[in-house]
Amino acid sequence: MMTFSRFFAALSLVGMTAAYAPLTQAVQPMSQEWEIDAPAPKIPARPQGYGDRVGEKALNSFANIATGWLEMPKNVINTTNQSNIIYGFIGGLAKGMVHTAGRMGVGIAELLTLPLATKPIIYPLYIWDDFDVDTVYGEVMRLQEEPRQPEVAPPPAPQAAAPVVAPAPAPVPPPVQYPTDTNRKIDAIFKKEMMK
């Protein structure tokens, strides 16, 4: 029994250290003078390292194990809001028990697979995030992939500009001229038809 408690204490210490390690690397401001109207500085997004991912996973697993029981009141409230109070209490309590077991099971699974930097299995990640949204479970054991940077092609070499030449105007065909006797015939037909 003594070795189990030592193992659990060591595991807890390692998990807490991994969870709080990213906080020790935070950049502290050089001076405490802040301008009130100044816009917030934009911090460039840096890729997460392995330690950051494992630390977040440890924090998620401990939070899900500790707060999994909050799924019961959450589901009672949400089911009551969606239906009536009787069904909300009975059905929400049953649904909450299932999600409590699911959230705590996900926390234990993430704790056991702590060295693998995988994507979170459960959404919302914490019980207090999106309290009115039902808990859903995603794919298990999917590794987080680094966002790939698009390859930048080298700029094309400058080329000498070709001289600009105005296009020659297209030749206009001459209008069609009918012989005069054709015009007299058409005029005669037109007059005959108009007299009718």
N, C-alpha and C. Protein backbone atom coordinates (compact mmCIF):
# COMPACT_ATOMS: atom_id res chain seq x y z
N MET A 1 0.82 -1.19 0.00
CA MET A 1 0.00 0.00 0.00
C MET A 1 0.87 1.25 0.00
N MET A 2 2.01 1.14 0.63
CA MET A 2 2.91 2.28 0.72
C MET A 2 3.49 2.62 -0.66
N THR A 3 3.79 1.60 -1.46
CA THR A 3 4.36 1.87 -2.79
C THR A 3 3.32 2.50 -3.71
N PHE A 4 2.05 2.14 -3.56
CA PHE A 4 1.00 2.74 -4.39
C PHE A 4 0.88 4.23 -4.09
N SER A 5 0.89 4.61 -2.82
CA SER A 5 0.76 6.03 -2.48
C SER A 5 1.98 6.81 -2.93
N ARG A 6 3.17 6.21 -2.88
CA ARG A 6 4.37 6.89 -3.38
C ARG A 6 4.28 7.06 -4.90
N PHE A 7 3.81 6.01 -5.58
CA PHE A 7 3.66 6.11 -7.03
C PHE A 7 2.66 7.19 -7.40
N PHE A 8 1.53 7.24 -6.70
CA PHE A 8 0.51 8.25 -6.99
C PHE A 8 1.03 9.65 -6.68
N ALA A 9 1.78 9.79 -5.59
CA ALA A 9 2.35 11.10 -5.24
C ALA A 9 3.36 11.54 -6.30
N ALA A 10 4.20 10.62 -6.76
CA ALA A 10 5.19 10.95 -7.79
C ALA A 10 4.49 11.30 -9.11
N LEU A 11 3.48 10.55 -9.46
CA LEU A 11 2.73 10.81 -10.68
C LEU A 11 2.04 12.17 -10.61
N SER A 12 1.47 12.50 -9.46
CA SER A 12 0.84 13.81 -9.29
C SER A 12 1.85 14.93 -9.40
N LEU A 13 3.01 14.75 -8.83
CA LEU A 13 4.06 15.78 -8.87
C LEU A 13 4.54 15.99 -10.31
N VAL A 14 4.75 14.91 -11.04
CA VAL A 14 5.18 15.03 -12.44
C VAL A 14 4.10 15.70 -13.28
N GLY A 15 2.86 15.35 -13.06
CA GLY A 15 1.76 15.95 -13.82
C GLY A 15 1.63 17.43 -13.54
N MET A 16 1.72 17.83 -12.27
CA MET A 16 1.61 19.25 -11.92
C MET A 16 2.81 20.03 -12.48
N THR A 17 3.99 19.44 -12.43
CA THR A 17 5.16 20.11 -12.99
C THR A 17 5.01 20.29 -14.49
N ALA A 18 4.54 19.27 -15.17
CA ALA A 18 4.35 19.37 -16.62
C ALA A 18 3.26 20.38 -16.96
N ALA A 19 2.25 20.49 -16.11
CA ALA A 19 1.16 21.42 -16.40
C ALA A 19 1.58 22.87 -16.19
N TYR A 20 2.45 23.12 -15.22
CA TYR A 20 2.83 24.50 -14.92
C TYR A 20 4.16 24.91 -15.55
N ALA A 21 4.84 24.01 -16.24
CA ALA A 21 6.11 24.36 -16.88
C ALA A 21 5.98 25.48 -17.90
N PRO A 22 4.94 25.52 -18.73
CA PRO A 22 4.84 26.62 -19.69
C PRO A 22 4.69 27.99 -19.01
N LEU A 23 4.14 28.02 -17.80
CA LEU A 23 3.98 29.29 -17.11
C LEU A 23 5.32 29.88 -16.68
N THR A 24 6.31 29.02 -16.45
CA THR A 24 7.62 29.54 -16.04
C THR A 24 8.36 30.17 -17.20
N GLN A 25 7.94 29.88 -18.43
CA GLN A 25 8.60 30.44 -19.60
C GLN A 25 7.93 31.71 -20.10
N ALA A 26 6.94 32.20 -19.38
CA ALA A 26 6.22 33.40 -19.81
C ALA A 26 7.16 34.60 -19.72
N VAL A 27 7.00 35.52 -20.66
CA VAL A 27 7.84 36.71 -20.70
C VAL A 27 7.25 37.75 -19.76
N GLN A 28 8.09 38.29 -18.87
CA GLN A 28 7.66 39.32 -17.94
C GLN A 28 7.95 40.68 -18.55
N PRO A 29 7.06 41.66 -18.38
CA PRO A 29 7.33 43.00 -18.91
C PRO A 29 8.49 43.65 -18.14
N MET A 30 9.26 44.48 -18.85
CA MET A 30 10.42 45.12 -18.24
C MET A 30 9.99 46.21 -17.26
N SER A 31 8.95 46.93 -17.56
CA SER A 31 8.49 47.97 -16.64
C SER A 31 7.00 47.77 -16.39
N GLN A 32 6.54 48.30 -15.31
CA GLN A 32 5.15 48.14 -14.94
C GLN A 32 4.29 49.31 -15.42
N GLU A 33 4.85 50.21 -16.23
CA GLU A 33 4.11 51.35 -16.73
C GLU A 33 3.30 50.91 -17.96
N TRP A 34 2.01 51.11 -17.89
CA TRP A 34 1.15 50.74 -18.99
C TRP A 34 0.39 51.98 -19.44
N GLU A 35 0.29 52.15 -20.72
CA GLU A 35 -0.52 53.23 -21.25
C GLU A 35 -1.95 52.73 -21.38
N ILE A 36 -2.89 53.49 -20.88
CA ILE A 36 -4.28 53.03 -20.85
C ILE A 36 -4.87 52.97 -22.25
N ASP A 37 -4.60 53.98 -23.07
CA ASP A 37 -5.21 54.03 -24.39
C ASP A 37 -4.41 53.28 -25.46
N ALA A 38 -3.31 52.70 -25.11
CA ALA A 38 -2.48 52.02 -26.09
C ALA A 38 -3.12 50.70 -26.48
N PRO A 39 -3.07 50.34 -27.76
CA PRO A 39 -3.62 49.04 -28.17
C PRO A 39 -2.75 47.91 -27.64
N ALA A 40 -3.37 46.78 -27.46
CA ALA A 40 -2.64 45.62 -26.96
C ALA A 40 -1.62 45.18 -28.00
N PRO A 41 -0.41 44.83 -27.56
CA PRO A 41 0.58 44.40 -28.54
C PRO A 41 0.21 43.06 -29.13
N LYS A 42 0.48 42.89 -30.40
CA LYS A 42 0.18 41.62 -31.07
C LYS A 42 1.36 40.69 -30.86
N ILE A 43 1.08 39.56 -30.27
CA ILE A 43 2.10 38.57 -30.01
C ILE A 43 2.06 37.56 -31.14
N PRO A 44 3.17 37.36 -31.81
CA PRO A 44 3.14 36.39 -32.91
C PRO A 44 2.91 34.98 -32.37
N ALA A 45 2.08 34.24 -33.07
CA ALA A 45 1.79 32.87 -32.65
C ALA A 45 3.00 32.00 -32.91
N ARG A 46 3.45 31.37 -31.84
CA ARG A 46 4.60 30.48 -32.00
C ARG A 46 4.09 29.05 -31.98
N PRO A 47 4.76 28.19 -32.67
CA PRO A 47 4.31 26.79 -32.66
C PRO A 47 4.50 26.20 -31.27
N GLN A 48 3.55 25.37 -30.86
CA GLN A 48 3.65 24.74 -29.56
C GLN A 48 4.69 23.64 -29.60
N GLY A 49 5.48 23.59 -28.56
CA GLY A 49 6.46 22.53 -28.45
C GLY A 49 5.85 21.30 -27.80
N TYR A 50 6.64 20.27 -27.74
CA TYR A 50 6.18 19.01 -27.15
C TYR A 50 5.83 19.20 -25.68
N GLY A 51 6.64 19.94 -24.97
CA GLY A 51 6.39 20.17 -23.55
C GLY A 51 5.10 20.93 -23.31
N ASP A 52 4.82 21.91 -24.17
CA ASP A 52 3.57 22.67 -24.04
C ASP A 52 2.36 21.76 -24.24
N ARG A 53 2.44 20.91 -25.23
CA ARG A 53 1.31 20.01 -25.53
C ARG A 53 1.08 19.02 -24.40
N VAL A 54 2.16 18.45 -23.89
CA VAL A 54 2.04 17.48 -22.81
C VAL A 54 1.53 18.18 -21.55
N GLY A 55 1.99 19.40 -21.31
CA GLY A 55 1.52 20.15 -20.16
C GLY A 55 0.03 20.45 -20.24
N GLU A 56 -0.43 20.86 -21.41
CA GLU A 56 -1.86 21.11 -21.59
C GLU A 56 -2.67 19.83 -21.43
N LYS A 57 -2.12 18.73 -21.92
CA LYS A 57 -2.83 17.46 -21.81
C LYS A 57 -2.93 17.03 -20.35
N ALA A 58 -1.87 17.24 -19.58
CA ALA A 58 -1.90 16.90 -18.16
C ALA A 58 -2.92 17.76 -17.43
N LEU A 59 -2.93 19.05 -17.74
CA LEU A 59 -3.89 19.95 -17.12
C LEU A 59 -5.33 19.55 -17.47
N ASN A 60 -5.56 19.22 -18.74
CA ASN A 60 -6.90 18.79 -19.17
C ASN A 60 -7.33 17.52 -18.45
N SER A 61 -6.41 16.57 -18.33
CA SER A 61 -6.78 15.29 -17.71
C SER A 61 -7.10 15.47 -16.24
N PHE A 62 -6.28 16.24 -15.50
CA PHE A 62 -6.58 16.47 -14.09
C PHE A 62 -7.88 17.24 -13.92
N ALA A 63 -8.13 18.23 -14.77
CA ALA A 63 -9.37 19.01 -14.68
C ALA A 63 -10.58 18.13 -14.98
N ASN A 64 -10.49 17.25 -15.97
CA ASN A 64 -11.62 16.39 -16.31
C ASN A 64 -11.89 15.36 -15.22
N ILE A 65 -10.85 14.85 -14.58
CA ILE A 65 -11.05 13.89 -13.49
C ILE A 65 -11.69 14.59 -12.29
N ALA A 66 -11.20 15.79 -11.97
CA ALA A 66 -11.67 16.49 -10.77
C ALA A 66 -13.08 17.07 -10.95
N THR A 67 -13.42 17.52 -12.15
CA THR A 67 -14.70 18.21 -12.34
C THR A 67 -15.70 17.40 -13.14
N GLY A 68 -15.46 16.12 -13.34
CA GLY A 68 -16.38 15.30 -14.12
C GLY A 68 -17.77 15.22 -13.51
N TRP A 69 -17.86 15.28 -12.17
CA TRP A 69 -19.15 15.18 -11.51
C TRP A 69 -20.06 16.36 -11.83
N LEU A 70 -19.50 17.46 -12.31
CA LEU A 70 -20.33 18.62 -12.65
C LEU A 70 -21.18 18.39 -13.91
N GLU A 71 -20.95 17.27 -14.60
CA GLU A 71 -21.79 16.94 -15.75
C GLU A 71 -23.24 16.68 -15.32
N MET A 72 -23.44 16.19 -14.09
CA MET A 72 -24.81 15.90 -13.66
C MET A 72 -25.64 17.18 -13.53
N PRO A 73 -25.21 18.20 -12.76
CA PRO A 73 -26.04 19.41 -12.72
C PRO A 73 -26.13 20.12 -14.06
N LYS A 74 -25.05 20.06 -14.85
CA LYS A 74 -25.07 20.70 -16.17
C LYS A 74 -26.16 20.08 -17.04
N ASN A 75 -26.23 18.76 -17.08
CA ASN A 75 -27.21 18.09 -17.93
C ASN A 75 -28.62 18.22 -17.39
N VAL A 76 -28.79 18.29 -16.06
CA VAL A 76 -30.12 18.53 -15.50
C VAL A 76 -30.62 19.91 -15.93
N ILE A 77 -29.75 20.92 -15.84
CA ILE A 77 -30.13 22.28 -16.23
C ILE A 77 -30.44 22.34 -17.73
N ASN A 78 -29.55 21.79 -18.54
CA ASN A 78 -29.75 21.87 -20.00
C ASN A 78 -30.98 21.09 -20.45
N THR A 79 -31.22 19.92 -19.88
CA THR A 79 -32.39 19.12 -20.28
C THR A 79 -33.68 19.78 -19.79
N THR A 80 -33.64 20.40 -18.62
CA THR A 80 -34.81 21.12 -18.13
C THR A 80 -35.12 22.31 -19.04
N ASN A 81 -34.10 23.01 -19.48
CA ASN A 81 -34.32 24.14 -20.38
C ASN A 81 -34.87 23.71 -21.73
N GLN A 82 -34.54 22.50 -22.17
CA GLN A 82 -34.99 22.01 -23.46
C GLN A 82 -36.38 21.35 -23.38
N SER A 83 -36.79 20.89 -22.19
CA SER A 83 -38.08 20.22 -22.07
C SER A 83 -38.78 20.73 -20.81
N ASN A 84 -39.25 19.81 -19.96
CA ASN A 84 -39.91 20.22 -18.72
C ASN A 84 -39.07 19.80 -17.51
N ILE A 85 -39.50 20.19 -16.32
CA ILE A 85 -38.68 19.97 -15.12
C ILE A 85 -38.63 18.50 -14.70
N ILE A 86 -39.70 17.77 -14.93
CA ILE A 86 -39.71 16.35 -14.53
C ILE A 86 -38.75 15.56 -15.41
N TYR A 87 -38.91 15.69 -16.72
CA TYR A 87 -38.00 14.99 -17.64
C TYR A 87 -36.59 15.54 -17.49
N GLY A 88 -36.46 16.84 -17.23
CA GLY A 88 -35.15 17.44 -17.06
C GLY A 88 -34.40 16.86 -15.88
N PHE A 89 -35.12 16.61 -14.78
CA PHE A 89 -34.44 16.06 -13.61
C PHE A 89 -34.09 14.59 -13.80
N ILE A 90 -35.05 13.80 -14.26
CA ILE A 90 -34.82 12.36 -14.39
C ILE A 90 -33.88 12.07 -15.57
N GLY A 91 -34.24 12.58 -16.75
CA GLY A 91 -33.41 12.31 -17.93
C GLY A 91 -32.07 13.02 -17.86
N GLY A 92 -32.06 14.25 -17.34
CA GLY A 92 -30.81 14.99 -17.23
C GLY A 92 -29.86 14.35 -16.24
N LEU A 93 -30.39 13.80 -15.16
CA LEU A 93 -29.55 13.12 -14.18
C LEU A 93 -28.93 11.86 -14.78
N ALA A 94 -29.73 11.10 -15.52
CA ALA A 94 -29.21 9.89 -16.16
C ALA A 94 -28.16 10.26 -17.23
N LYS A 95 -28.49 11.27 -18.02
CA LYS A 95 -27.54 11.72 -19.04
C LYS A 95 -26.26 12.26 -18.38
N GLY A 96 -26.42 12.96 -17.28
CA GLY A 96 -25.27 13.50 -16.55
C GLY A 96 -24.38 12.41 -15.99
N MET A 97 -24.98 11.31 -15.52
CA MET A 97 -24.17 10.20 -15.00
C MET A 97 -23.33 9.57 -16.11
N VAL A 98 -23.94 9.43 -17.29
CA VAL A 98 -23.21 8.87 -18.42
C VAL A 98 -22.05 9.78 -18.81
N HIS A 99 -22.34 11.09 -18.90
CA HIS A 99 -21.28 12.03 -19.28
C HIS A 99 -20.24 12.20 -18.17
N THR A 100 -20.63 12.02 -16.90
CA THR A 100 -19.65 12.05 -15.82
C THR A 100 -18.65 10.92 -15.99
N ALA A 101 -19.18 9.71 -16.23
CA ALA A 101 -18.28 8.57 -16.46
C ALA A 101 -17.43 8.81 -17.70
N GLY A 102 -18.02 9.39 -18.74
CA GLY A 102 -17.27 9.66 -19.96
C GLY A 102 -16.16 10.68 -19.75
N ARG A 103 -16.47 11.79 -19.06
CA ARG A 103 -15.47 12.84 -18.84
C ARG A 103 -14.34 12.34 -17.94
N MET A 104 -14.70 11.60 -16.89
CA MET A 104 -13.67 11.07 -15.99
C MET A 104 -12.84 9.99 -16.71
N GLY A 105 -13.50 9.19 -17.54
CA GLY A 105 -12.76 8.18 -18.31
C GLY A 105 -11.81 8.80 -19.29
N VAL A 106 -12.23 9.90 -19.94
CA VAL A 106 -11.34 10.61 -20.85
C VAL A 106 -10.16 11.18 -20.09
N GLY A 107 -10.42 11.72 -18.88
CA GLY A 107 -9.33 12.26 -18.06
C GLY A 107 -8.32 11.19 -17.69
N ILE A 108 -8.80 10.01 -17.33
CA ILE A 108 -7.90 8.92 -16.97
C ILE A 108 -7.14 8.43 -18.21
N ALA A 109 -7.83 8.33 -19.34
CA ALA A 109 -7.15 7.89 -20.57
C ALA A 109 -6.08 8.89 -20.99
N GLU A 110 -6.36 10.18 -20.86
CA GLU A 110 -5.36 11.18 -21.22
C GLU A 110 -4.20 11.17 -20.24
N LEU A 111 -4.47 10.87 -18.98
CA LEU A 111 -3.39 10.78 -17.99
C LEU A 111 -2.50 9.58 -18.27
N LEU A 112 -3.10 8.46 -18.67
CA LEU A 112 -2.31 7.27 -18.97
C LEU A 112 -1.48 7.43 -20.24
N THR A 113 -1.98 8.19 -21.18
CA THR A 113 -1.26 8.40 -22.45
C THR A 113 -0.60 9.77 -22.48
N LEU A 114 -0.17 10.26 -21.33
CA LEU A 114 0.39 11.59 -21.22
C LEU A 114 1.60 11.84 -22.12
N PRO A 115 2.51 10.89 -22.30
CA PRO A 115 3.67 11.17 -23.17
C PRO A 115 3.32 11.37 -24.64
N LEU A 116 2.14 10.92 -25.06
CA LEU A 116 1.73 11.10 -26.45
C LEU A 116 0.99 12.42 -26.57
N ALA A 117 1.48 13.30 -27.40
CA ALA A 117 0.83 14.60 -27.59
C ALA A 117 -0.33 14.45 -28.57
N THR A 118 -1.49 14.04 -28.06
CA THR A 118 -2.65 13.80 -28.92
C THR A 118 -3.64 14.95 -28.83
N LYS A 119 -4.56 14.97 -29.79
CA LYS A 119 -5.63 15.98 -29.78
C LYS A 119 -6.60 15.67 -28.64
N PRO A 120 -7.29 16.69 -28.13
CA PRO A 120 -8.29 16.41 -27.09
C PRO A 120 -9.41 15.53 -27.62
N ILE A 121 -9.93 14.68 -26.76
CA ILE A 121 -10.98 13.74 -27.15
C ILE A 121 -12.36 14.34 -26.93
N ILE A 122 -12.49 15.22 -25.94
CA ILE A 122 -13.79 15.68 -25.49
C ILE A 122 -13.99 17.16 -25.82
N TYR A 123 -15.23 17.53 -26.14
CA TYR A 123 -15.58 18.94 -26.35
C TYR A 123 -16.88 19.22 -25.62
N PRO A 124 -16.99 20.28 -24.88
CA PRO A 124 -16.02 21.31 -24.55
C PRO A 124 -14.88 20.74 -23.70
N LEU A 125 -13.73 21.35 -23.86
CA LEU A 125 -12.51 20.84 -23.24
C LEU A 125 -12.63 20.81 -21.72
N TYR A 126 -13.19 21.85 -21.14
CA TYR A 126 -13.45 21.90 -19.71
C TYR A 126 -14.96 22.01 -19.51
N ILE A 127 -15.42 21.62 -18.34
CA ILE A 127 -16.86 21.63 -18.08
C ILE A 127 -17.41 23.04 -18.08
N TRP A 128 -16.63 24.01 -17.70
CA TRP A 128 -17.11 25.39 -17.61
C TRP A 128 -17.07 26.11 -18.96
N ASP A 129 -16.45 25.54 -19.97
CA ASP A 129 -16.49 26.13 -21.32
C ASP A 129 -17.80 25.73 -21.98
N ASP A 130 -18.52 26.70 -22.51
CA ASP A 130 -19.80 26.44 -23.20
C ASP A 130 -20.70 25.54 -22.35
N PHE A 131 -21.09 26.06 -21.22
CA PHE A 131 -21.87 25.27 -20.25
C PHE A 131 -23.20 24.79 -20.81
N ASP A 132 -23.76 25.53 -21.76
CA ASP A 132 -25.06 25.13 -22.29
C ASP A 132 -24.97 24.23 -23.51
N VAL A 133 -23.77 23.79 -23.87
CA VAL A 133 -23.57 22.89 -25.01
C VAL A 133 -23.37 21.47 -24.49
N ASP A 134 -24.04 20.51 -25.13
CA ASP A 134 -23.89 19.11 -24.72
C ASP A 134 -22.46 18.63 -24.99
N THR A 135 -21.99 17.74 -24.15
CA THR A 135 -20.66 17.18 -24.28
C THR A 135 -20.64 16.19 -25.44
N VAL A 136 -19.62 16.30 -26.29
CA VAL A 136 -19.45 15.36 -27.40
C VAL A 136 -18.02 14.83 -27.35
N TYR A 137 -17.85 13.65 -27.92
CA TYR A 137 -16.56 12.97 -27.91
C TYR A 137 -16.08 12.81 -29.34
N GLY A 138 -14.80 13.02 -29.54
CA GLY A 138 -14.22 12.95 -30.88
C GLY A 138 -13.37 11.72 -31.06
N GLU A 139 -12.47 11.80 -32.01
CA GLU A 139 -11.61 10.67 -32.32
C GLU A 139 -10.57 10.49 -31.22
N VAL A 140 -10.22 9.25 -30.99
CA VAL A 140 -9.29 8.90 -29.93
C VAL A 140 -7.90 8.68 -30.53
N MET A 141 -6.91 9.14 -29.82
CA MET A 141 -5.50 8.91 -30.15
C MET A 141 -5.10 9.49 -31.51
N ARG A 142 -5.54 10.69 -31.82
CA ARG A 142 -5.11 11.39 -33.03
C ARG A 142 -4.02 12.37 -32.64
N LEU A 143 -2.85 12.22 -33.24
CA LEU A 143 -1.73 13.09 -32.92
C LEU A 143 -1.97 14.49 -33.46
N GLN A 144 -1.49 15.48 -32.73
CA GLN A 144 -1.59 16.85 -33.19
C GLN A 144 -0.55 17.05 -34.27
N GLU A 145 -0.96 17.64 -35.36
CA GLU A 145 -0.06 17.90 -36.46
C GLU A 145 0.33 19.36 -36.47
N GLU A 146 1.57 19.60 -36.81
CA GLU A 146 2.05 20.97 -36.93
C GLU A 146 1.39 21.61 -38.13
N PRO A 147 0.97 22.86 -38.02
CA PRO A 147 0.46 23.52 -39.22
C PRO A 147 1.59 23.71 -40.21
N ARG A 148 1.37 23.29 -41.41
CA ARG A 148 2.43 23.35 -42.42
C ARG A 148 2.49 24.74 -43.02
N GLN A 149 3.71 25.22 -43.12
CA GLN A 149 3.94 26.52 -43.73
C GLN A 149 3.92 26.34 -45.24
N PRO A 150 3.22 27.20 -45.96
CA PRO A 150 3.23 27.06 -47.41
C PRO A 150 4.61 27.38 -47.96
N GLU A 151 5.01 26.58 -48.91
CA GLU A 151 6.32 26.81 -49.52
C GLU A 151 6.26 28.05 -50.39
N VAL A 152 7.22 28.89 -50.20
CA VAL A 152 7.27 30.14 -50.94
C VAL A 152 8.19 29.94 -52.14
N ALA A 153 7.66 30.15 -53.32
CA ALA A 153 8.45 30.01 -54.54
C ALA A 153 9.31 31.26 -54.70
N PRO A 154 10.53 31.10 -55.19
CA PRO A 154 11.36 32.29 -55.40
C PRO A 154 10.74 33.19 -56.46
N PRO A 155 10.92 34.48 -56.32
CA PRO A 155 10.31 35.38 -57.31
C PRO A 155 10.93 35.15 -58.68
N PRO A 156 10.16 35.29 -59.74
CA PRO A 156 10.70 35.06 -61.08
C PRO A 156 11.74 36.14 -61.42
N ALA A 157 12.70 35.72 -62.21
CA ALA A 157 13.75 36.66 -62.62
C ALA A 157 13.14 37.75 -63.51
N PRO A 158 13.58 38.98 -63.32
CA PRO A 158 13.01 40.06 -64.16
C PRO A 158 13.41 39.86 -65.61
N GLN A 159 12.49 40.11 -66.49
CA GLN A 159 12.74 39.97 -67.92
C GLN A 159 12.63 41.34 -68.57
N ALA A 160 13.33 41.47 -69.68
CA ALA A 160 13.28 42.75 -70.40
C ALA A 160 11.88 42.94 -70.95
N ALA A 161 11.37 44.15 -70.80
CA ALA A 161 10.03 44.43 -71.27
C ALA A 161 10.03 44.57 -72.79
N ALA A 162 9.06 43.95 -73.43
CA ALA A 162 8.94 44.04 -74.88
C ALA A 162 8.35 45.40 -75.23
N PRO A 163 8.79 45.99 -76.34
CA PRO A 163 8.25 47.30 -76.70
C PRO A 163 6.76 47.17 -77.05
N VAL A 164 6.01 48.17 -76.68
CA VAL A 164 4.58 48.18 -76.92
C VAL A 164 4.33 48.72 -78.32
N VAL A 165 3.65 47.94 -79.14
CA VAL A 165 3.33 48.34 -80.51
C VAL A 165 1.82 48.40 -80.61
N ALA A 166 1.33 49.53 -81.13
CA ALA A 166 -0.11 49.68 -81.29
C ALA A 166 -0.57 48.77 -82.42
N PRO A 167 -1.68 48.06 -82.23
CA PRO A 167 -2.15 47.17 -83.29
C PRO A 167 -2.65 47.98 -84.48
N ALA A 168 -2.44 47.43 -85.65
CA ALA A 168 -2.89 48.09 -86.88
C ALA A 168 -4.41 47.99 -86.95
N PRO A 169 -5.08 49.04 -87.41
CA PRO A 169 -6.54 48.96 -87.50
C PRO A 169 -6.96 47.91 -88.52
N ALA A 170 -8.04 47.24 -88.21
CA ALA A 170 -8.54 46.21 -89.11
C ALA A 170 -9.13 46.88 -90.36
N PRO A 171 -8.90 46.31 -91.54
CA PRO A 171 -9.45 46.92 -92.76
C PRO A 171 -10.97 46.83 -92.77
N VAL A 172 -11.59 47.91 -93.16
CA VAL A 172 -13.05 47.96 -93.23
C VAL A 172 -13.46 47.59 -94.65
N PRO A 173 -14.34 46.61 -94.81
CA PRO A 173 -14.74 46.22 -96.17
C PRO A 173 -15.63 47.31 -96.77
N PRO A 174 -15.51 47.53 -98.05
CA PRO A 174 -16.34 48.57 -98.69
C PRO A 174 -17.80 48.14 -98.68
N PRO A 175 -18.73 49.08 -98.64
CA PRO A 175 -20.15 48.71 -98.63
C PRO A 175 -20.55 48.05 -99.95
N VAL A 176 -21.52 47.19 -99.85
CA VAL A 176 -21.97 46.46 -101.03
C VAL A 176 -22.88 47.38 -101.85
N GLN A 177 -22.58 47.55 -103.13
CA GLN A 177 -23.39 48.36 -104.04
C GLN A 177 -24.10 47.45 -105.03
N TYR A 178 -25.41 47.55 -105.01
CA TYR A 178 -26.18 46.78 -105.98
C TYR A 178 -26.28 47.59 -107.27
N PRO A 179 -26.41 46.90 -108.36
CA PRO A 179 -26.57 47.65 -109.63
C PRO A 179 -27.89 48.42 -109.62
N THR A 180 -27.95 49.47 -110.40
CA THR A 180 -29.12 50.37 -110.41
C THR A 180 -30.37 49.67 -110.92
N ASP A 181 -30.23 48.72 -111.84
CA ASP A 181 -31.43 48.04 -112.32
C ASP A 181 -32.04 47.19 -111.22
N THR A 182 -31.25 46.65 -110.27
CA THR A 182 -31.78 45.88 -109.15
C THR A 182 -32.58 46.80 -108.23
N ASN A 183 -32.06 47.98 -108.02
CA ASN A 183 -32.78 48.94 -107.18
C ASN A 183 -34.12 49.31 -107.80
N ARG A 184 -34.19 49.49 -109.14
CA ARG A 184 -35.45 49.84 -109.80
C ARG A 184 -36.44 48.70 -109.68
N LYS A 185 -35.96 47.47 -109.78
CA LYS A 185 -36.87 46.32 -109.66
C LYS A 185 -37.45 46.25 -108.24
N ILE A 186 -36.63 46.46 -107.23
CA ILE A 186 -37.10 46.41 -105.83
C ILE A 186 -38.09 47.53 -105.58
N ASP A 187 -37.83 48.72 -106.13
CA ASP A 187 -38.75 49.84 -105.96
C ASP A 187 -40.10 49.54 -106.61
N ALA A 188 -40.10 48.91 -107.78
CA ALA A 188 -41.35 48.59 -108.47
C ALA A 188 -42.15 47.58 -107.67
N ILE A 189 -41.49 46.56 -107.10
CA ILE A 189 -42.18 45.55 -106.28
C ILE A 189 -42.76 46.22 -105.05
N PHE A 190 -42.03 47.10 -104.45
CA PHE A 190 -42.49 47.79 -103.25
C PHE A 190 -43.74 48.63 -103.54
N LYS A 191 -43.74 49.38 -104.67
CA LYS A 191 -44.89 50.20 -105.01
C LYS A 191 -46.11 49.34 -105.30
N LYS A 192 -45.92 48.21 -106.00
CA LYS A 192 -47.02 47.33 -106.35
C LYS A 192 -47.65 46.77 -105.06
N GLU A 193 -46.82 46.39 -104.13
CA GLU A 193 -47.33 45.83 -102.87
C GLU A 193 -48.01 46.88 -102.03
N MET A 194 -47.55 48.09 -102.11
CA MET A 194 -48.15 49.16 -101.31
C MET A 194 -49.51 49.58 -101.88
N MET A 195 -49.73 49.40 -103.14
CA MET A 195 -51.00 49.78 -103.75
C MET A 195 -52.11 48.81 -103.37
N LYS A 196 -51.82 47.67 -102.97
CA LYS A 196 -52.85 46.66 -102.65
C LYS A 196 -53.58 47.02 -101.45
